[in-house]
N, C-alpha and C. Protein backbone atom coordinates (compact mmCIF):
# COMPACT_ATOMS: atom_id res chain seq x y z
N MET A 1 -17.74 5.94 2.72
CA MET A 1 -16.80 6.99 2.63
C MET A 1 -16.21 7.05 1.21
N THR A 2 -15.96 8.16 0.63
CA THR A 2 -15.67 8.34 -0.70
C THR A 2 -14.10 8.29 -0.82
N ASP A 3 -13.61 7.95 -1.97
CA ASP A 3 -12.10 7.88 -2.16
C ASP A 3 -11.46 9.27 -1.84
N ARG A 4 -12.20 10.32 -2.04
CA ARG A 4 -11.59 11.61 -1.78
C ARG A 4 -11.45 11.75 -0.26
N ASP A 5 -12.50 11.34 0.54
CA ASP A 5 -12.40 11.32 1.98
C ASP A 5 -11.20 10.51 2.43
N LEU A 6 -11.00 9.34 1.88
CA LEU A 6 -9.97 8.44 2.23
C LEU A 6 -8.63 9.09 1.95
N ARG A 7 -8.43 9.61 0.71
CA ARG A 7 -7.20 10.24 0.39
C ARG A 7 -6.87 11.36 1.32
N SER A 8 -7.89 12.13 1.71
CA SER A 8 -7.61 13.16 2.73
C SER A 8 -7.20 12.65 4.09
N ARG A 9 -7.80 11.59 4.45
CA ARG A 9 -7.37 10.96 5.75
C ARG A 9 -5.92 10.45 5.64
N ALA A 10 -5.60 9.91 4.49
CA ALA A 10 -4.41 9.18 4.31
C ALA A 10 -3.19 10.22 4.17
N HIS A 11 -3.47 11.52 3.93
CA HIS A 11 -2.45 12.43 3.82
C HIS A 11 -1.53 12.53 5.06
N ASP A 12 -1.99 12.44 6.21
CA ASP A 12 -1.28 12.58 7.44
C ASP A 12 -0.78 11.17 7.99
N LEU A 13 -1.07 10.14 7.35
CA LEU A 13 -0.63 8.84 7.75
C LEU A 13 0.86 8.63 7.63
N ASP A 14 1.47 7.92 8.57
CA ASP A 14 2.89 7.62 8.38
C ASP A 14 2.99 6.28 7.66
N VAL A 15 4.04 5.98 6.86
CA VAL A 15 4.21 4.77 6.30
C VAL A 15 4.47 3.70 7.30
N THR A 16 3.80 2.60 7.22
CA THR A 16 3.87 1.51 8.18
C THR A 16 4.33 0.18 7.64
N VAL A 17 4.34 0.08 6.33
CA VAL A 17 4.73 -1.08 5.59
C VAL A 17 5.80 -0.74 4.48
N TRP A 18 6.94 -1.28 4.44
CA TRP A 18 7.97 -0.98 3.52
C TRP A 18 8.24 -2.17 2.70
N VAL A 19 8.15 -1.98 1.29
CA VAL A 19 8.47 -3.16 0.40
C VAL A 19 9.79 -3.01 -0.08
N GLY A 20 10.71 -3.96 0.16
CA GLY A 20 12.02 -3.93 -0.35
C GLY A 20 12.35 -4.96 -1.27
N LYS A 21 13.71 -5.43 -1.25
CA LYS A 21 14.14 -6.40 -2.20
C LYS A 21 13.41 -7.75 -2.18
N GLY A 22 12.70 -7.98 -1.02
CA GLY A 22 11.99 -9.24 -0.90
C GLY A 22 10.65 -9.28 -1.63
N GLY A 23 10.38 -8.01 -2.19
CA GLY A 23 9.16 -7.93 -2.92
C GLY A 23 7.89 -7.94 -2.12
N ILE A 24 6.71 -7.86 -2.81
CA ILE A 24 5.40 -7.66 -2.12
C ILE A 24 5.12 -8.92 -1.38
N GLY A 25 5.38 -10.14 -1.78
CA GLY A 25 5.20 -11.34 -1.07
C GLY A 25 5.65 -11.31 0.34
N ALA A 26 6.74 -10.64 0.58
CA ALA A 26 7.32 -10.66 1.96
C ALA A 26 6.46 -9.78 2.88
N VAL A 27 5.59 -8.96 2.45
CA VAL A 27 4.85 -8.08 3.25
C VAL A 27 3.31 -8.40 3.33
N VAL A 28 2.88 -9.32 2.67
CA VAL A 28 1.46 -9.66 2.50
C VAL A 28 0.85 -9.89 3.95
N ASP A 29 1.49 -10.79 4.74
CA ASP A 29 0.92 -11.03 6.12
C ASP A 29 0.87 -9.81 6.96
N GLU A 30 1.98 -9.11 6.99
CA GLU A 30 2.01 -7.86 7.78
C GLU A 30 0.90 -6.85 7.45
N LEU A 31 0.86 -6.60 6.08
CA LEU A 31 -0.14 -5.71 5.62
C LEU A 31 -1.64 -6.18 5.85
N ASP A 32 -1.78 -7.46 5.89
CA ASP A 32 -3.12 -8.02 6.17
C ASP A 32 -3.48 -7.80 7.54
N ASP A 33 -2.50 -8.03 8.51
CA ASP A 33 -2.67 -7.79 9.98
C ASP A 33 -2.97 -6.21 10.18
N GLN A 34 -2.20 -5.34 9.55
CA GLN A 34 -2.54 -3.99 9.76
C GLN A 34 -3.77 -3.50 9.20
N LEU A 35 -4.30 -4.08 8.10
CA LEU A 35 -5.55 -3.69 7.58
C LEU A 35 -6.73 -4.22 8.45
N ARG A 36 -6.50 -5.29 9.28
CA ARG A 36 -7.45 -5.73 10.23
C ARG A 36 -7.64 -4.69 11.39
N ASP A 37 -6.47 -4.08 11.78
CA ASP A 37 -6.51 -3.07 12.87
C ASP A 37 -6.92 -1.73 12.53
N ARG A 38 -6.74 -1.34 11.25
CA ARG A 38 -7.13 0.06 10.75
C ARG A 38 -7.48 -0.04 9.38
N ASP A 39 -8.31 0.86 8.88
CA ASP A 39 -8.81 0.68 7.53
C ASP A 39 -7.89 1.30 6.43
N LEU A 40 -6.92 2.13 6.76
CA LEU A 40 -5.96 2.69 5.86
C LEU A 40 -4.56 2.44 6.23
N VAL A 41 -3.76 1.97 5.33
CA VAL A 41 -2.27 1.62 5.48
C VAL A 41 -1.56 2.32 4.34
N LYS A 42 -0.46 2.96 4.77
CA LYS A 42 0.39 3.60 3.72
C LYS A 42 1.63 2.75 3.52
N VAL A 43 1.93 2.42 2.26
CA VAL A 43 3.01 1.40 1.91
C VAL A 43 4.05 2.18 1.04
N LYS A 44 5.33 2.01 1.37
CA LYS A 44 6.41 2.62 0.61
C LYS A 44 7.09 1.45 -0.18
N PHE A 45 7.23 1.66 -1.42
CA PHE A 45 7.96 0.82 -2.39
C PHE A 45 9.36 1.34 -2.71
N HIS A 46 10.35 0.60 -2.05
CA HIS A 46 11.74 1.00 -2.35
C HIS A 46 12.12 0.57 -3.76
N ARG A 47 13.25 1.19 -4.17
CA ARG A 47 13.77 1.02 -5.58
C ARG A 47 13.93 -0.51 -5.81
N ALA A 48 14.56 -1.26 -4.82
CA ALA A 48 14.81 -2.65 -5.05
C ALA A 48 13.57 -3.46 -5.36
N ALA A 49 12.48 -3.01 -4.78
CA ALA A 49 11.13 -3.71 -4.96
C ALA A 49 10.49 -3.39 -6.34
N ARG A 50 10.71 -2.20 -6.80
CA ARG A 50 10.14 -1.70 -8.03
C ARG A 50 10.74 -2.33 -9.26
N GLY A 51 12.07 -2.49 -9.28
CA GLY A 51 12.65 -2.95 -10.53
C GLY A 51 12.08 -2.17 -11.76
N GLY A 52 11.57 -2.77 -12.70
CA GLY A 52 10.99 -2.16 -13.83
C GLY A 52 9.48 -1.87 -13.81
N THR A 53 8.95 -2.22 -12.62
CA THR A 53 7.47 -2.08 -12.47
C THR A 53 7.01 -0.78 -11.86
N ASP A 54 6.01 -0.26 -12.21
CA ASP A 54 5.67 1.10 -11.60
C ASP A 54 4.80 0.87 -10.27
N VAL A 55 4.83 1.86 -9.51
CA VAL A 55 4.17 1.81 -8.15
C VAL A 55 2.73 1.43 -8.20
N GLU A 56 2.00 2.00 -9.27
CA GLU A 56 0.61 1.71 -9.44
C GLU A 56 0.29 0.20 -9.57
N GLU A 57 1.12 -0.43 -10.45
CA GLU A 57 0.95 -1.81 -10.68
C GLU A 57 1.35 -2.67 -9.43
N LEU A 58 2.39 -2.38 -8.70
CA LEU A 58 2.79 -3.08 -7.52
C LEU A 58 1.73 -2.87 -6.41
N ALA A 59 1.25 -1.61 -6.30
CA ALA A 59 0.14 -1.42 -5.18
C ALA A 59 -1.12 -2.23 -5.60
N SER A 60 -1.51 -2.37 -6.83
CA SER A 60 -2.62 -3.04 -7.32
C SER A 60 -2.49 -4.48 -7.01
N ASP A 61 -1.37 -5.01 -7.32
CA ASP A 61 -1.05 -6.51 -7.06
C ASP A 61 -1.08 -6.72 -5.57
N LEU A 62 -0.49 -5.95 -4.76
CA LEU A 62 -0.55 -6.11 -3.29
C LEU A 62 -1.91 -6.01 -2.70
N ALA A 63 -2.69 -5.09 -3.15
CA ALA A 63 -4.04 -4.92 -2.89
C ALA A 63 -4.94 -6.20 -3.14
N ASP A 64 -4.68 -6.80 -4.32
CA ASP A 64 -5.43 -7.92 -4.75
C ASP A 64 -5.06 -9.10 -3.66
N ARG A 65 -3.87 -9.20 -3.21
CA ARG A 65 -3.43 -10.30 -2.41
C ARG A 65 -4.05 -10.14 -0.95
N VAL A 66 -4.44 -9.00 -0.52
CA VAL A 66 -4.92 -8.81 0.85
C VAL A 66 -6.40 -8.37 0.78
N ASN A 67 -7.05 -8.54 -0.39
CA ASN A 67 -8.43 -8.13 -0.58
C ASN A 67 -8.67 -6.69 -0.13
N ALA A 68 -7.94 -5.88 -0.70
CA ALA A 68 -8.10 -4.42 -0.40
C ALA A 68 -8.27 -3.67 -1.69
N GLU A 69 -8.34 -2.33 -1.57
CA GLU A 69 -8.31 -1.45 -2.77
C GLU A 69 -7.23 -0.49 -2.66
N VAL A 70 -6.69 0.03 -3.76
CA VAL A 70 -5.74 1.13 -3.70
C VAL A 70 -6.58 2.40 -3.72
N VAL A 71 -6.26 3.23 -2.72
CA VAL A 71 -6.97 4.54 -2.64
C VAL A 71 -6.19 5.58 -3.36
N ASP A 72 -4.86 5.56 -3.29
CA ASP A 72 -4.04 6.54 -3.98
C ASP A 72 -2.55 6.08 -4.06
N THR A 73 -1.87 6.48 -5.13
CA THR A 73 -0.42 6.30 -5.22
C THR A 73 0.17 7.66 -5.54
N ARG A 74 1.26 8.00 -4.84
CA ARG A 74 2.06 9.15 -5.24
C ARG A 74 3.51 8.93 -5.01
N GLY A 75 4.25 9.26 -5.99
CA GLY A 75 5.70 8.93 -5.95
C GLY A 75 5.85 7.39 -5.75
N HIS A 76 6.53 7.08 -4.61
CA HIS A 76 6.86 5.63 -4.40
C HIS A 76 6.01 5.06 -3.22
N THR A 77 4.89 5.77 -3.07
CA THR A 77 4.07 5.41 -1.79
C THR A 77 2.59 5.12 -2.38
N GLY A 78 2.00 4.08 -1.76
CA GLY A 78 0.68 3.79 -2.03
C GLY A 78 -0.18 3.66 -0.76
N VAL A 79 -1.50 3.92 -0.91
CA VAL A 79 -2.36 3.85 0.27
C VAL A 79 -3.42 2.81 -0.02
N LEU A 80 -3.59 1.84 0.81
CA LEU A 80 -4.54 0.74 0.67
C LEU A 80 -5.57 0.81 1.76
N HIS A 81 -6.88 0.39 1.35
CA HIS A 81 -8.00 0.47 2.17
C HIS A 81 -8.79 -0.84 2.11
N ARG A 82 -9.31 -1.20 3.25
CA ARG A 82 -10.16 -2.33 3.35
C ARG A 82 -11.39 -2.08 4.12
């Protein structure tokens, strides 16, 4: 499946993981579990989690921790795929 196909499928997904002031470390296990159940997960990065870091960098770091890839980032949201 191409990245374009994955982005298309991700469009209608609901956010199921929220990254807050606890940072990405607080959601690694939950995201890993969700990626086992489905191949696409949408993640929202709240302002408290972002600090001075951009969403692309946070999404990439989170993807590395769960052995996934970033399919897309828009605004404060990222989509990860495994």
